[in-house]
């Protein structure tokens, strides 16, 4: 997995955030994008590149705003998995049927 490659290349575990919104403890919560966004921001390592993996992110209301906001940070690379097809423009909304879609700032 990509996480193992990151760790092998001297990326710290603290620089990697992985959230699976299908995990049982996540399914019962009704997440709003701003809550998740703030939680992720609090974990970012300010002097290093941070890698954010979001699995089944469409479970979060307003997930597009969250992903766009995270991608706008110059210290993040955001990877999104299994996004449901959405209508409209924008690079995230059209990233359907792709196993991992990467918004890369490196």
C-alpha atoms as a PDB file:
ATOM      1  CA  UNK A   1       0.000   0.000   0.000  1.00  0.00           C
ATOM      2  CA  UNK A   2       1.040   3.592  -0.573  1.00  0.00           C
ATOM      3  CA  UNK A   3       1.227   4.177   3.194  1.00  0.00           C
ATOM      4  CA  UNK A   4       3.989   1.577   3.497  1.00  0.00           C
ATOM      5  CA  UNK A   5       5.927   3.274   0.708  1.00  0.00           C
ATOM      6  CA  UNK A   6       5.604   6.606   2.488  1.00  0.00           C
ATOM      7  CA  UNK A   7       6.845   5.150   5.771  1.00  0.00           C
ATOM      8  CA  UNK A   8       9.771   3.498   3.984  1.00  0.00           C
ATOM      9  CA  UNK A   9      10.736   6.882   2.526  1.00  0.00           C
ATOM     10  CA  UNK A  10      11.131   8.510   5.957  1.00  0.00           C
ATOM     11  CA  UNK A  11       7.627   9.976   6.178  1.00  0.00           C
ATOM     12  CA  UNK A  12       6.512   9.961   9.797  1.00  0.00           C
ATOM     13  CA  UNK A  13       3.336   8.163  10.884  1.00  0.00           C
ATOM     14  CA  UNK A  14       2.186  11.567  12.209  1.00  0.00           C
ATOM     15  CA  UNK A  15       2.218  12.948   8.655  1.00  0.00           C
ATOM     16  CA  UNK A  16      -0.333  10.347   7.491  1.00  0.00           C
ATOM     17  CA  UNK A  17      -4.044  10.588   8.203  1.00  0.00           C
ATOM     18  CA  UNK A  18      -6.325   7.750   7.085  1.00  0.00           C
ATOM     19  CA  UNK A  19     -10.061   7.960   7.642  1.00  0.00           C
ATOM     20  CA  UNK A  20     -12.454   5.252   6.464  1.00  0.00           C
ATOM     21  CA  UNK A  21     -15.990   6.554   6.777  1.00  0.00           C
ATOM     22  CA  UNK A  22     -17.347   2.974   6.527  1.00  0.00           C
ATOM     23  CA  UNK A  23     -15.701   1.885   9.785  1.00  0.00           C
ATOM     24  CA  UNK A  24     -18.385   0.947  12.334  1.00  0.00           C
ATOM     25  CA  UNK A  25     -17.472   3.808  14.683  1.00  0.00           C
ATOM     26  CA  UNK A  26     -17.678   6.272  11.794  1.00  0.00           C
ATOM     27  CA  UNK A  27     -20.947   5.006  10.305  1.00  0.00           C
ATOM     28  CA  UNK A  28     -22.977   5.905  13.377  1.00  0.00           C
ATOM     29  CA  UNK A  29     -21.745   9.514  13.388  1.00  0.00           C
ATOM     30  CA  UNK A  30     -23.396  12.147  11.226  1.00  0.00           C
ATOM     31  CA  UNK A  31     -20.325  14.084  10.133  1.00  0.00           C
ATOM     32  CA  UNK A  32     -20.423  17.527   8.705  1.00  0.00           C
ATOM     33  CA  UNK A  33     -17.499  18.566   6.536  1.00  0.00           C
ATOM     34  CA  UNK A  34     -16.297  21.338   8.846  1.00  0.00           C
ATOM     35  CA  UNK A  35     -15.998  18.997  11.850  1.00  0.00           C
ATOM     36  CA  UNK A  36     -13.836  16.527   9.932  1.00  0.00           C
ATOM     37  CA  UNK A  37     -11.853  19.328   8.291  1.00  0.00           C
ATOM     38  CA  UNK A  38     -11.002  20.917  11.654  1.00  0.00           C
ATOM     39  CA  UNK A  39     -10.046  17.524  13.092  1.00  0.00           C
ATOM     40  CA  UNK A  40      -7.654  16.876  10.195  1.00  0.00           C
ATOM     41  CA  UNK A  41      -6.184  20.395  10.360  1.00  0.00           C
ATOM     42  CA  UNK A  42      -5.376  19.886  14.036  1.00  0.00           C
ATOM     43  CA  UNK A  43      -3.239  16.849  13.107  1.00  0.00           C
ATOM     44  CA  UNK A  44      -1.222  18.467  10.293  1.00  0.00           C
ATOM     45  CA  UNK A  45       2.529  18.699  10.730  1.00  0.00           C
ATOM     46  CA  UNK A  46       3.250  22.308   9.699  1.00  0.00           C
ATOM     47  CA  UNK A  47       6.828  21.861   8.450  1.00  0.00           C
ATOM     48  CA  UNK A  48       6.235  18.662   6.481  1.00  0.00           C
ATOM     49  CA  UNK A  49       4.104  17.311   3.673  1.00  0.00           C
ATOM     50  CA  UNK A  50       0.989  15.602   5.065  1.00  0.00           C
ATOM     51  CA  UNK A  51      -0.790  12.724   3.340  1.00  0.00           C
ATOM     52  CA  UNK A  52      -4.541  12.472   3.837  1.00  0.00           C
ATOM     53  CA  UNK A  53      -6.427   9.334   2.774  1.00  0.00           C
ATOM     54  CA  UNK A  54     -10.228   9.633   2.757  1.00  0.00           C
ATOM     55  CA  UNK A  55     -12.124   6.409   2.090  1.00  0.00           C
ATOM     56  CA  UNK A  56     -15.864   6.620   1.324  1.00  0.00           C
ATOM     57  CA  UNK A  57     -15.688  10.389   1.851  1.00  0.00           C
ATOM     58  CA  UNK A  58     -19.121  10.869   0.288  1.00  0.00           C
ATOM     59  CA  UNK A  59     -20.552   9.907   3.712  1.00  0.00           C
ATOM     60  CA  UNK A  60     -19.627  13.414   4.890  1.00  0.00           C
ATOM     61  CA  UNK A  61     -22.135  16.170   4.144  1.00  0.00           C
ATOM     62  CA  UNK A  62     -20.317  18.774   2.054  1.00  0.00           C
ATOM     63  CA  UNK A  63     -17.285  16.541   1.471  1.00  0.00           C
ATOM     64  CA  UNK A  64     -16.354  18.476  -1.672  1.00  0.00           C
ATOM     65  CA  UNK A  65     -15.715  21.658   0.352  1.00  0.00           C
ATOM     66  CA  UNK A  66     -13.613  19.702   2.825  1.00  0.00           C
ATOM     67  CA  UNK A  67     -11.453  18.084   0.138  1.00  0.00           C
ATOM     68  CA  UNK A  68     -11.048  21.360  -1.750  1.00  0.00           C
ATOM     69  CA  UNK A  69     -10.025  23.114   1.463  1.00  0.00           C
ATOM     70  CA  UNK A  70      -7.495  20.432   2.380  1.00  0.00           C
ATOM     71  CA  UNK A  71      -6.091  20.420  -1.131  1.00  0.00           C
ATOM     72  CA  UNK A  72      -5.629  24.205  -0.970  1.00  0.00           C
ATOM     73  CA  UNK A  73      -3.117  23.760   1.851  1.00  0.00           C
ATOM     74  CA  UNK A  74       0.411  23.707   0.469  1.00  0.00           C
ATOM     75  CA  UNK A  75       1.467  21.000   2.933  1.00  0.00           C
ATOM     76  CA  UNK A  76      -1.084  18.354   1.973  1.00  0.00           C
ATOM     77  CA  UNK A  77      -1.583  15.619  -0.560  1.00  0.00           C
ATOM     78  CA  UNK A  78      -5.170  14.366  -0.482  1.00  0.00           C
ATOM     79  CA  UNK A  79      -6.227  10.927  -1.713  1.00  0.00           C
ATOM     80  CA  UNK A  80      -9.917  10.116  -2.130  1.00  0.00           C
ATOM     81  CA  UNK A  81     -11.330   6.623  -2.624  1.00  0.00           C
ATOM     82  CA  UNK A  82     -14.662   5.402  -3.988  1.00  0.00           C
ATOM     83  CA  UNK A  83     -16.319   8.735  -4.641  1.00  0.00           C
ATOM     84  CA  UNK A  84     -19.908   8.438  -5.852  1.00  0.00           C
ATOM     85  CA  UNK A  85     -20.556  10.095  -9.200  1.00  0.00           C
ATOM     86  CA  UNK A  86     -21.629  13.710  -8.825  1.00  0.00           C
ATOM     87  CA  UNK A  87     -23.000  16.097 -11.376  1.00  0.00           C
ATOM     88  CA  UNK A  88     -21.138  19.317 -12.125  1.00  0.00           C
ATOM     89  CA  UNK A  89     -17.642  20.513 -12.802  1.00  0.00           C
ATOM     90  CA  UNK A  90     -14.494  20.532 -10.754  1.00  0.00           C
ATOM     91  CA  UNK A  91     -11.708  18.009 -10.561  1.00  0.00           C
ATOM     92  CA  UNK A  92     -12.956  16.256  -7.407  1.00  0.00           C
ATOM     93  CA  UNK A  93     -16.559  15.909  -8.541  1.00  0.00           C
ATOM     94  CA  UNK A  94     -15.523  14.204 -11.760  1.00  0.00           C
ATOM     95  CA  UNK A  95     -13.155  11.772 -10.035  1.00  0.00           C
ATOM     96  CA  UNK A  96     -15.540   8.847 -10.206  1.00  0.00           C
ATOM     97  CA  UNK A  97     -14.780   5.163 -10.640  1.00  0.00           C
ATOM     98  CA  UNK A  98     -11.134   5.661  -9.722  1.00  0.00           C
ATOM     99  CA  UNK A  99      -9.678   3.527  -6.948  1.00  0.00           C
ATOM    100  CA  UNK A 100      -7.568   6.331  -5.435  1.00  0.00           C
ATOM    101  CA  UNK A 101      -7.765   9.838  -6.855  1.00  0.00           C
ATOM    102  CA  UNK A 102      -4.846  12.002  -5.786  1.00  0.00           C
ATOM    103  CA  UNK A 103      -4.855  15.762  -5.388  1.00  0.00           C
ATOM    104  CA  UNK A 104      -1.138  16.322  -5.239  1.00  0.00           C
ATOM    105  CA  UNK A 105       0.728  19.371  -3.977  1.00  0.00           C
ATOM    106  CA  UNK A 106       4.228  17.920  -4.383  1.00  0.00           C
END
